[in-house]
Amino acid sequence: MRVISSLADIDFGIGRIFRRGGDLVIESSKDSTLETTVTVTPRDALRSLWSLATSPSAWLFVLTLPFAGFSRGSKVANATNEWDERRGRTGLNKPW
């Protein structure tokens, strides 16, 4: 998945998922742009589930998944090239 913000443009693949105390921890996969750890609290999870359950766009996305076709290989490569070019121009993900 792609995470885009004013601070970074990250290709985030889900790696290891585990619990730490009452929270869910999601680590990025090895092929992610930046090593990342996401901590989801129970409150975060409930708010996210509520937002998804009440979003017509989310339901449409889920209902059309079987027909989505999974031929994104060339799109992913193109998106990666675009990301590299954009990062070089704007200095994204460069803390210095």
PDB file of N, CA and C in Angstrom:
ATOM      1  N   MET A   1       0.843  -1.165   0.000  1.00  0.00           N
ATOM      2  CA  MET A   1       0.000   0.000   0.000  1.00  0.00           C
ATOM      3  C   MET A   1       0.885   1.224   0.000  1.00  0.00           C
ATOM      4  N   ARG A   2       0.352   2.326  -0.400  1.00  0.00           N
ATOM      5  CA  ARG A   2       1.099   3.577  -0.481  1.00  0.00           C
ATOM      6  C   ARG A   2       0.599   4.513   0.617  1.00  0.00           C
ATOM      7  N   VAL A   3       1.534   5.097   1.363  1.00  0.00           N
ATOM      8  CA  VAL A   3       1.223   6.098   2.377  1.00  0.00           C
ATOM      9  C   VAL A   3       1.837   7.405   1.907  1.00  0.00           C
ATOM     10  N   ILE A   4       1.000   8.429   1.716  1.00  0.00           N
ATOM     11  CA  ILE A   4       1.480   9.721   1.238  1.00  0.00           C
ATOM     12  C   ILE A   4       1.115  10.788   2.262  1.00  0.00           C
ATOM     13  N   SER A   5       2.106  11.555   2.682  1.00  0.00           N
ATOM     14  CA  SER A   5       1.863  12.667   3.594  1.00  0.00           C
ATOM     15  C   SER A   5       2.825  13.787   3.247  1.00  0.00           C
ATOM     16  N   SER A   6       2.707  14.900   3.944  1.00  0.00           N
ATOM     17  CA  SER A   6       3.620  16.012   3.692  1.00  0.00           C
ATOM     18  C   SER A   6       5.038  15.682   4.166  1.00  0.00           C
ATOM     19  N   LEU A   7       5.175  14.677   5.028  1.00  0.00           N
ATOM     20  CA  LEU A   7       6.487  14.304   5.547  1.00  0.00           C
ATOM     21  C   LEU A   7       7.169  13.220   4.730  1.00  0.00           C
ATOM     22  N   ALA A   8       6.396  12.300   4.157  1.00  0.00           N
ATOM     23  CA  ALA A   8       7.017  11.169   3.482  1.00  0.00           C
ATOM     24  C   ALA A   8       6.061  10.558   2.467  1.00  0.00           C
ATOM     25  N   ASP A   9       6.633   9.834   1.540  1.00  0.00           N
ATOM     26  CA  ASP A   9       5.903   9.077   0.533  1.00  0.00           C
ATOM     27  C   ASP A   9       6.453   7.653   0.642  1.00  0.00           C
ATOM     28  N   ILE A  10       5.669   6.757   1.230  1.00  0.00           N
ATOM     29  CA  ILE A  10       6.188   5.447   1.612  1.00  0.00           C
ATOM     30  C   ILE A  10       5.408   4.325   0.938  1.00  0.00           C
ATOM     31  N   ASP A  11       6.141   3.358   0.391  1.00  0.00           N
ATOM     32  CA  ASP A  11       5.534   2.090  -0.015  1.00  0.00           C
ATOM     33  C   ASP A  11       5.591   1.212   1.224  1.00  0.00           C
ATOM     34  N   PHE A  12       4.423   0.877   1.764  1.00  0.00           N
ATOM     35  CA  PHE A  12       4.342   0.135   3.022  1.00  0.00           C
ATOM     36  C   PHE A  12       3.746  -1.238   2.760  1.00  0.00           C
ATOM     37  N   GLY A  13       4.554  -2.257   2.995  1.00  0.00           N
ATOM     38  CA  GLY A  13       4.075  -3.631   2.918  1.00  0.00           C
ATOM     39  C   GLY A  13       3.927  -4.163   4.330  1.00  0.00           C
ATOM     40  N   ILE A  14       2.889  -4.907   4.595  1.00  0.00           N
ATOM     41  CA  ILE A  14       2.660  -5.438   5.933  1.00  0.00           C
ATOM     42  C   ILE A  14       3.547  -6.651   6.149  1.00  0.00           C
ATOM     43  N   GLY A  15       4.320  -6.593   7.207  1.00  0.00           N
ATOM     44  CA  GLY A  15       5.206  -7.690   7.582  1.00  0.00           C
ATOM     45  C   GLY A  15       4.647  -8.431   8.780  1.00  0.00           C
ATOM     46  N   ARG A  16       5.371  -8.378   9.863  1.00  0.00           N
ATOM     47  CA  ARG A  16       4.989  -9.090  11.090  1.00  0.00           C
ATOM     48  C   ARG A  16       3.881  -8.335  11.836  1.00  0.00           C
ATOM     49  N   ILE A  17       2.898  -9.079  12.340  1.00  0.00           N
ATOM     50  CA  ILE A  17       1.805  -8.524  13.142  1.00  0.00           C
ATOM     51  C   ILE A  17       1.784  -9.271  14.465  1.00  0.00           C
ATOM     52  N   PHE A  18       1.773  -8.511  15.561  1.00  0.00           N
ATOM     53  CA  PHE A  18       1.753  -9.142  16.883  1.00  0.00           C
ATOM     54  C   PHE A  18       1.120  -8.196  17.898  1.00  0.00           C
ATOM     55  N   ARG A  19       0.853  -8.737  19.096  1.00  0.00           N
ATOM     56  CA  ARG A  19       0.289  -7.927  20.175  1.00  0.00           C
ATOM     57  C   ARG A  19       1.383  -7.536  21.151  1.00  0.00           C
ATOM     58  N   ARG A  20       1.288  -6.316  21.631  1.00  0.00           N
ATOM     59  CA  ARG A  20       2.166  -5.833  22.692  1.00  0.00           C
ATOM     60  C   ARG A  20       1.239  -5.211  23.729  1.00  0.00           C
ATOM     61  N   GLY A  21       1.060  -5.936  24.843  1.00  0.00           N
ATOM     62  CA  GLY A  21       0.081  -5.478  25.823  1.00  0.00           C
ATOM     63  C   GLY A  21      -1.307  -5.552  25.209  1.00  0.00           C
ATOM     64  N   GLY A  22      -2.049  -4.467  25.266  1.00  0.00           N
ATOM     65  CA  GLY A  22      -3.384  -4.434  24.677  1.00  0.00           C
ATOM     66  C   GLY A  22      -3.415  -3.891  23.263  1.00  0.00           C
ATOM     67  N   ASP A  23      -2.248  -3.547  22.701  1.00  0.00           N
ATOM     68  CA  ASP A  23      -2.185  -2.934  21.375  1.00  0.00           C
ATOM     69  C   ASP A  23      -1.790  -3.953  20.312  1.00  0.00           C
ATOM     70  N   LEU A  24      -2.139  -3.654  19.079  1.00  0.00           N
ATOM     71  CA  LEU A  24      -1.729  -4.444  17.925  1.00  0.00           C
ATOM     72  C   LEU A  24      -0.571  -3.710  17.275  1.00  0.00           C
ATOM     73  N   VAL A  25       0.509  -4.418  16.996  1.00  0.00           N
ATOM     74  CA  VAL A  25       1.690  -3.809  16.388  1.00  0.00           C
ATOM     75  C   VAL A  25       1.877  -4.417  15.000  1.00  0.00           C
ATOM     76  N   ILE A  26       2.049  -3.539  14.012  1.00  0.00           N
ATOM     77  CA  ILE A  26       2.245  -3.957  12.627  1.00  0.00           C
ATOM     78  C   ILE A  26       3.589  -3.420  12.178  1.00  0.00           C
ATOM     79  N   GLU A  27       4.484  -4.316  11.794  1.00  0.00           N
ATOM     80  CA  GLU A  27       5.795  -3.913  11.292  1.00  0.00           C
ATOM     81  C   GLU A  27       5.791  -3.984   9.771  1.00  0.00           C
ATOM     82  N   SER A  28       6.544  -3.100   9.159  1.00  0.00           N
ATOM     83  CA  SER A  28       6.633  -3.104   7.702  1.00  0.00           C
ATOM     84  C   SER A  28       7.420  -4.310   7.220  1.00  0.00           C
ATOM     85  N   SER A  29       7.143  -4.715   5.987  1.00  0.00           N
ATOM     86  CA  SER A  29       7.891  -5.821   5.384  1.00  0.00           C
ATOM     87  C   SER A  29       9.269  -5.317   4.967  1.00  0.00           C
ATOM     88  N   LYS A  30      10.143  -6.243   4.651  1.00  0.00           N
ATOM     89  CA  LYS A  30      11.519  -5.900   4.267  1.00  0.00           C
ATOM     90  C   LYS A  30      11.590  -5.082   2.983  1.00  0.00           C
ATOM     91  N   ASP A  31      10.585  -5.222   2.096  1.00  0.00           N
ATOM     92  CA  ASP A  31      10.625  -4.498   0.829  1.00  0.00           C
ATOM     93  C   ASP A  31       9.947  -3.132   0.902  1.00  0.00           C
ATOM     94  N   SER A  32       9.582  -2.677   2.095  1.00  0.00           N
ATOM     95  CA  SER A  32       8.986  -1.346   2.258  1.00  0.00           C
ATOM     96  C   SER A  32      10.044  -0.272   2.048  1.00  0.00           C
ATOM     97  N   THR A  33       9.598   0.909   1.653  1.00  0.00           N
ATOM     98  CA  THR A  33      10.501   2.018   1.405  1.00  0.00           C
ATOM     99  C   THR A  33      11.251   2.437   2.662  1.00  0.00           C
ATOM    100  N   LEU A  34      10.570   2.398   3.796  1.00  0.00           N
ATOM    101  CA  LEU A  34      11.129   2.846   5.058  1.00  0.00           C
ATOM    102  C   LEU A  34      10.695   1.889   6.148  1.00  0.00           C
ATOM    103  N   GLU A  35      11.619   1.486   6.999  1.00  0.00           N
ATOM    104  CA  GLU A  35      11.253   0.605   8.108  1.00  0.00           C
ATOM    105  C   GLU A  35      10.267   1.350   9.007  1.00  0.00           C
ATOM    106  N   THR A  36       9.097   0.757   9.214  1.00  0.00           N
ATOM    107  CA  THR A  36       8.024   1.430   9.926  1.00  0.00           C
ATOM    108  C   THR A  36       7.349   0.470  10.890  1.00  0.00           C
ATOM    109  N   THR A  37       6.934   0.994  12.046  1.00  0.00           N
ATOM    110  CA  THR A  37       6.146   0.236  13.011  1.00  0.00           C
ATOM    111  C   THR A  37       4.895   1.034  13.310  1.00  0.00           C
ATOM    112  N   VAL A  38       3.742   0.390  13.162  1.00  0.00           N
ATOM    113  CA  VAL A  38       2.454   1.015  13.431  1.00  0.00           C
ATOM    114  C   VAL A  38       1.867   0.361  14.677  1.00  0.00           C
ATOM    115  N   THR A  39       1.475   1.178  15.648  1.00  0.00           N
ATOM    116  CA  THR A  39       0.828   0.674  16.862  1.00  0.00           C
ATOM    117  C   THR A  39      -0.632   1.092  16.825  1.00  0.00           C
ATOM    118  N   VAL A  40      -1.523   0.108  16.916  1.00  0.00           N
ATOM    119  CA  VAL A  40      -2.964   0.350  16.870  1.00  0.00           C
ATOM    120  C   VAL A  40      -3.535   0.047  18.251  1.00  0.00           C
ATOM    121  N   THR A  41      -4.126   1.060  18.866  1.00  0.00           N
ATOM    122  CA  THR A  41      -4.762   0.860  20.166  1.00  0.00           C
ATOM    123  C   THR A  41      -6.174   0.329  19.944  1.00  0.00           C
ATOM    124  N   PRO A  42      -6.807  -0.250  20.977  1.00  0.00           N
ATOM    125  CA  PRO A  42      -8.194  -0.694  20.816  1.00  0.00           C
ATOM    126  C   PRO A  42      -9.118   0.444  20.378  1.00  0.00           C
ATOM    127  N   ARG A  43      -8.894   1.634  20.918  1.00  0.00           N
ATOM    128  CA  ARG A  43      -9.728   2.777  20.530  1.00  0.00           C
ATOM    129  C   ARG A  43      -9.533   3.124  19.053  1.00  0.00           C
ATOM    130  N   ASP A  44      -8.271   3.110  18.593  1.00  0.00           N
ATOM    131  CA  ASP A  44      -7.992   3.354  17.174  1.00  0.00           C
ATOM    132  C   ASP A  44      -8.715   2.331  16.295  1.00  0.00           C
ATOM    133  N   ALA A  45      -8.654   1.063  16.694  1.00  0.00           N
ATOM    134  CA  ALA A  45      -9.270  -0.007  15.909  1.00  0.00           C
ATOM    135  C   ALA A  45     -10.783   0.174  15.827  1.00  0.00           C
ATOM    136  N   LEU A  46     -11.414   0.497  16.956  1.00  0.00           N
ATOM    137  CA  LEU A  46     -12.867   0.685  16.948  1.00  0.00           C
ATOM    138  C   LEU A  46     -13.273   1.866  16.079  1.00  0.00           C
ATOM    139  N   ARG A  47     -12.537   2.975  16.179  1.00  0.00           N
ATOM    140  CA  ARG A  47     -12.862   4.142  15.339  1.00  0.00           C
ATOM    141  C   ARG A  47     -12.666   3.818  13.861  1.00  0.00           C
ATOM    142  N   SER A  48     -11.611   3.069  13.543  1.00  0.00           N
ATOM    143  CA  SER A  48     -11.366   2.692  12.148  1.00  0.00           C
ATOM    144  C   SER A  48     -12.469   1.780  11.622  1.00  0.00           C
ATOM    145  N   LEU A  49     -12.831   0.781  12.417  1.00  0.00           N
ATOM    146  CA  LEU A  49     -13.909  -0.127  12.003  1.00  0.00           C
ATOM    147  C   LEU A  49     -15.216   0.617  11.811  1.00  0.00           C
ATOM    148  N   TRP A  50     -15.519   1.550  12.695  1.00  0.00           N
ATOM    149  CA  TRP A  50     -16.749   2.346  12.574  1.00  0.00           C
ATOM    150  C   TRP A  50     -16.712   3.178  11.290  1.00  0.00           C
ATOM    151  N   SER A  51     -15.582   3.809  11.027  1.00  0.00           N
ATOM    152  CA  SER A  51     -15.444   4.611   9.807  1.00  0.00           C
ATOM    153  C   SER A  51     -15.614   3.755   8.560  1.00  0.00           C
ATOM    154  N   LEU A  52     -15.018   2.568   8.559  1.00  0.00           N
ATOM    155  CA  LEU A  52     -15.160   1.671   7.413  1.00  0.00           C
ATOM    156  C   LEU A  52     -16.589   1.181   7.248  1.00  0.00           C
ATOM    157  N   ALA A  53     -17.227   0.822   8.367  1.00  0.00           N
ATOM    158  CA  ALA A  53     -18.590   0.281   8.309  1.00  0.00           C
ATOM    159  C   ALA A  53     -19.598   1.314   7.831  1.00  0.00           C
ATOM    160  N   THR A  54     -19.325   2.589   8.051  1.00  0.00           N
ATOM    161  CA  THR A  54     -20.283   3.635   7.668  1.00  0.00           C
ATOM    162  C   THR A  54     -19.893   4.352   6.378  1.00  0.00           C
ATOM    163  N   SER A  55     -18.880   3.846   5.686  1.00  0.00           N
ATOM    164  CA  SER A  55     -18.414   4.478   4.457  1.00  0.00           C
ATOM    165  C   SER A  55     -18.922   3.723   3.229  1.00  0.00           C
ATOM    166  N   PRO A  56     -19.763   4.359   2.412  1.00  0.00           N
ATOM    167  CA  PRO A  56     -20.203   3.697   1.174  1.00  0.00           C
ATOM    168  C   PRO A  56     -19.028   3.345   0.258  1.00  0.00           C
ATOM    169  N   SER A  57     -18.018   4.177   0.226  1.00  0.00           N
ATOM    170  CA  SER A  57     -16.850   3.897  -0.624  1.00  0.00           C
ATOM    171  C   SER A  57     -16.120   2.640  -0.168  1.00  0.00           C
ATOM    172  N   ALA A  58     -16.005   2.446   1.135  1.00  0.00           N
ATOM    173  CA  ALA A  58     -15.339   1.245   1.649  1.00  0.00           C
ATOM    174  C   ALA A  58     -16.136   0.002   1.282  1.00  0.00           C
ATOM    175  N   TRP A  59     -17.456   0.052   1.418  1.00  0.00           N
ATOM    176  CA  TRP A  59     -18.299  -1.098   1.055  1.00  0.00           C
ATOM    177  C   TRP A  59     -18.189  -1.406  -0.435  1.00  0.00           C
ATOM    178  N   LEU A  60     -18.199  -0.371  -1.266  1.00  0.00           N
ATOM    179  CA  LEU A  60     -18.072  -0.574  -2.710  1.00  0.00           C
ATOM    180  C   LEU A  60     -16.715  -1.196  -3.031  1.00  0.00           C
ATOM    181  N   PHE A  61     -15.672  -0.734  -2.368  1.00  0.00           N
ATOM    182  CA  PHE A  61     -14.335  -1.296  -2.557  1.00  0.00           C
ATOM    183  C   PHE A  61     -14.330  -2.786  -2.231  1.00  0.00           C
ATOM    184  N   VAL A  62     -14.889  -3.155  -1.081  1.00  0.00           N
ATOM    185  CA  VAL A  62     -14.916  -4.563  -0.659  1.00  0.00           C
ATOM    186  C   VAL A  62     -15.748  -5.403  -1.624  1.00  0.00           C
ATOM    187  N   LEU A  63     -16.893  -4.886  -2.040  1.00  0.00           N
ATOM    188  CA  LEU A  63     -17.770  -5.644  -2.941  1.00  0.00           C
ATOM    189  C   LEU A  63     -17.149  -5.845  -4.326  1.00  0.00           C
ATOM    190  N   THR A  64     -16.312  -4.925  -4.772  1.00  0.00           N
ATOM    191  CA  THR A  64     -15.715  -5.057  -6.104  1.00  0.00           C
ATOM    192  C   THR A  64     -14.355  -5.751  -6.091  1.00  0.00           C
ATOM    193  N   LEU A  65     -13.855  -6.114  -4.918  1.00  0.00           N
ATOM    194  CA  LEU A  65     -12.555  -6.802  -4.848  1.00  0.00           C
ATOM    195  C   LEU A  65     -12.478  -8.063  -5.704  1.00  0.00           C
ATOM    196  N   PRO A  66     -13.514  -8.922  -5.715  1.00  0.00           N
ATOM    197  CA  PRO A  66     -13.403 -10.137  -6.535  1.00  0.00           C
ATOM    198  C   PRO A  66     -13.247  -9.850  -8.027  1.00  0.00           C
ATOM    199  N   PHE A  67     -13.644  -8.656  -8.456  1.00  0.00           N
ATOM    200  CA  PHE A  67     -13.591  -8.312  -9.875  1.00  0.00           C
ATOM    201  C   PHE A  67     -12.465  -7.326 -10.189  1.00  0.00           C
ATOM    202  N   ALA A  68     -11.649  -7.004  -9.202  1.00  0.00           N
ATOM    203  CA  ALA A  68     -10.637  -5.957  -9.355  1.00  0.00           C
ATOM    204  C   ALA A  68      -9.534  -6.356 -10.319  1.00  0.00           C
ATOM    205  N   GLY A  69      -9.274  -7.641 -10.456  1.00  0.00           N
ATOM    206  CA  GLY A  69      -8.150  -8.046 -11.293  1.00  0.00           C
ATOM    207  C   GLY A  69      -6.869  -7.668 -10.581  1.00  0.00           C
ATOM    208  N   PHE A  70      -5.973  -8.569 -10.528  1.00  0.00           N
ATOM    209  CA  PHE A  70      -4.762  -8.320  -9.766  1.00  0.00           C
ATOM    210  C   PHE A  70      -3.565  -8.180 -10.684  1.00  0.00           C
ATOM    211  N   SER A  71      -3.735  -7.437 -11.759  1.00  0.00           N
ATOM    212  CA  SER A  71      -2.657  -7.224 -12.728  1.00  0.00           C
ATOM    213  C   SER A  71      -2.034  -5.850 -12.532  1.00  0.00           C
ATOM    214  N   ARG A  72      -1.620  -5.552 -11.307  1.00  0.00           N
ATOM    215  CA  ARG A  72      -1.057  -4.247 -10.993  1.00  0.00           C
ATOM    216  C   ARG A  72       0.446  -4.199 -11.179  1.00  0.00           C
ATOM    217  N   GLY A  73       1.060  -5.243 -11.661  1.00  0.00           N
ATOM    218  CA  GLY A  73       2.511  -5.293 -11.763  1.00  0.00           C
ATOM    219  C   GLY A  73       3.112  -4.087 -12.467  1.00  0.00           C
ATOM    220  N   SER A  74       2.612  -3.732 -13.667  1.00  0.00           N
ATOM    221  CA  SER A  74       3.183  -2.608 -14.399  1.00  0.00           C
ATOM    222  C   SER A  74       2.840  -1.291 -13.721  1.00  0.00           C
ATOM    223  N   LYS A  75       1.675  -1.180 -13.117  1.00  0.00           N
ATOM    224  CA  LYS A  75       1.302   0.041 -12.413  1.00  0.00           C
ATOM    225  C   LYS A  75       2.198   0.261 -11.210  1.00  0.00           C
ATOM    226  N   VAL A  76       2.534  -0.806 -10.511  1.00  0.00           N
ATOM    227  CA  VAL A  76       3.401  -0.686  -9.340  1.00  0.00           C
ATOM    228  C   VAL A  76       4.789  -0.231  -9.762  1.00  0.00           C
ATOM    229  N   ALA A  77       5.327  -0.816 -10.817  1.00  0.00           N
ATOM    230  CA  ALA A  77       6.650  -0.414 -11.300  1.00  0.00           C
ATOM    231  C   ALA A  77       6.635   1.039 -11.723  1.00  0.00           C
ATOM    232  N   ASN A  78       5.593   1.471 -12.431  1.00  0.00           N
ATOM    233  CA  ASN A  78       5.473   2.852 -12.871  1.00  0.00           C
ATOM    234  C   ASN A  78       5.355   3.782 -11.667  1.00  0.00           C
ATOM    235  N   ALA A  79       4.563   3.389 -10.659  1.00  0.00           N
ATOM    236  CA  ALA A  79       4.400   4.201  -9.456  1.00  0.00           C
ATOM    237  C   ALA A  79       5.726   4.334  -8.726  1.00  0.00           C
ATOM    238  N   THR A  80       6.522   3.271  -8.698  1.00  0.00           N
ATOM    239  CA  THR A  80       7.829   3.321  -8.045  1.00  0.00           C
ATOM    240  C   THR A  80       8.756   4.282  -8.772  1.00  0.00           C
ATOM    241  N   ASN A  81       8.754   4.251 -10.107  1.00  0.00           N
ATOM    242  CA  ASN A  81       9.575   5.187 -10.876  1.00  0.00           C
ATOM    243  C   ASN A  81       9.132   6.623 -10.631  1.00  0.00           C
ATOM    244  N   GLU A  82       7.817   6.867 -10.614  1.00  0.00           N
ATOM    245  CA  GLU A  82       7.302   8.202 -10.332  1.00  0.00           C
ATOM    246  C   GLU A  82       7.721   8.650  -8.942  1.00  0.00           C
ATOM    247  N   TRP A  83       7.669   7.723  -7.975  1.00  0.00           N
ATOM    248  CA  TRP A  83       8.047   8.055  -6.608  1.00  0.00           C
ATOM    249  C   TRP A  83       9.521   8.453  -6.540  1.00  0.00           C
ATOM    250  N   ASP A  84      10.384   7.688  -7.208  1.00  0.00           N
ATOM    251  CA  ASP A  84      11.814   8.005  -7.210  1.00  0.00           C
ATOM    252  C   ASP A  84      12.073   9.388  -7.809  1.00  0.00           C
ATOM    253  N   GLU A  85      11.397   9.699  -8.907  1.00  0.00           N
ATOM    254  CA  GLU A  85      11.564  11.009  -9.537  1.00  0.00           C
ATOM    255  C   GLU A  85      11.081  12.121  -8.615  1.00  0.00           C
ATOM    256  N   ARG A  86       9.906  11.945  -8.012  1.00  0.00           N
ATOM    257  CA  ARG A  86       9.333  12.954  -7.119  1.00  0.00           C
ATOM    258  C   ARG A  86      10.207  13.150  -5.882  1.00  0.00           C
ATOM    259  N   ARG A  87      10.716  12.071  -5.339  1.00  0.00           N
ATOM    260  CA  ARG A  87      11.580  12.149  -4.162  1.00  0.00           C
ATOM    261  C   ARG A  87      12.859  12.919  -4.478  1.00  0.00           C
ATOM    262  N   GLY A  88      13.416  12.683  -5.655  1.00  0.00           N
ATOM    263  CA  GLY A  88      14.608  13.409  -6.068  1.00  0.00           C
ATOM    264  C   GLY A  88      14.361  14.907  -6.227  1.00  0.00           C
ATOM    265  N   ARG A  89      13.165  15.288  -6.712  1.00  0.00           N
ATOM    266  CA  ARG A  89      12.844  16.692  -6.915  1.00  0.00           C
ATOM    267  C   ARG A  89      12.531  17.410  -5.606  1.00  0.00           C
ATOM    268  N   THR A  90      11.759  16.768  -4.729  1.00  0.00           N
ATOM    269  CA  THR A  90      11.229  17.467  -3.566  1.00  0.00           C
ATOM    270  C   THR A  90      11.969  17.184  -2.278  1.00  0.00           C
ATOM    271  N   GLY A  91      12.855  16.207  -2.258  1.00  0.00           N
ATOM    272  CA  GLY A  91      13.597  15.909  -1.045  1.00  0.00           C
ATOM    273  C   GLY A  91      12.785  15.135  -0.019  1.00  0.00           C
ATOM    274  N   LEU A  92      11.723  14.477  -0.439  1.00  0.00           N
ATOM    275  CA  LEU A  92      10.921  13.696   0.503  1.00  0.00           C
ATOM    276  C   LEU A  92      11.748  12.555   1.086  1.00  0.00           C
ATOM    277  N   ASN A  93      11.482  12.219   2.321  1.00  0.00           N
ATOM    278  CA  ASN A  93      12.165  11.139   3.047  1.00  0.00           C
ATOM    279  C   ASN A  93      13.646  11.435   3.247  1.00  0.00           C
ATOM    280  N   LYS A  94      14.032  12.689   3.157  1.00  0.00           N
ATOM    281  CA  LYS A  94      15.417  13.072   3.389  1.00  0.00           C
ATOM    282  C   LYS A  94      15.448  14.024   4.585  1.00  0.00           C
ATOM    283  N   PRO A  95      15.820  13.539   5.765  1.00  0.00           N
ATOM    284  CA  PRO A  95      15.769  14.394   6.942  1.00  0.00           C
ATOM    285  C   PRO A  95      16.869  15.441   7.005  1.00  0.00           C
ATOM    286  N   TRP A  96      17.843  15.402   6.111  1.00  0.00           N
ATOM    287  CA  TRP A  96      18.933  16.366   6.185  1.00  0.00           C
ATOM    288  C   TRP A  96      18.698  17.584   5.327  1.00  0.00           C
TER     289      TRP A  96
END
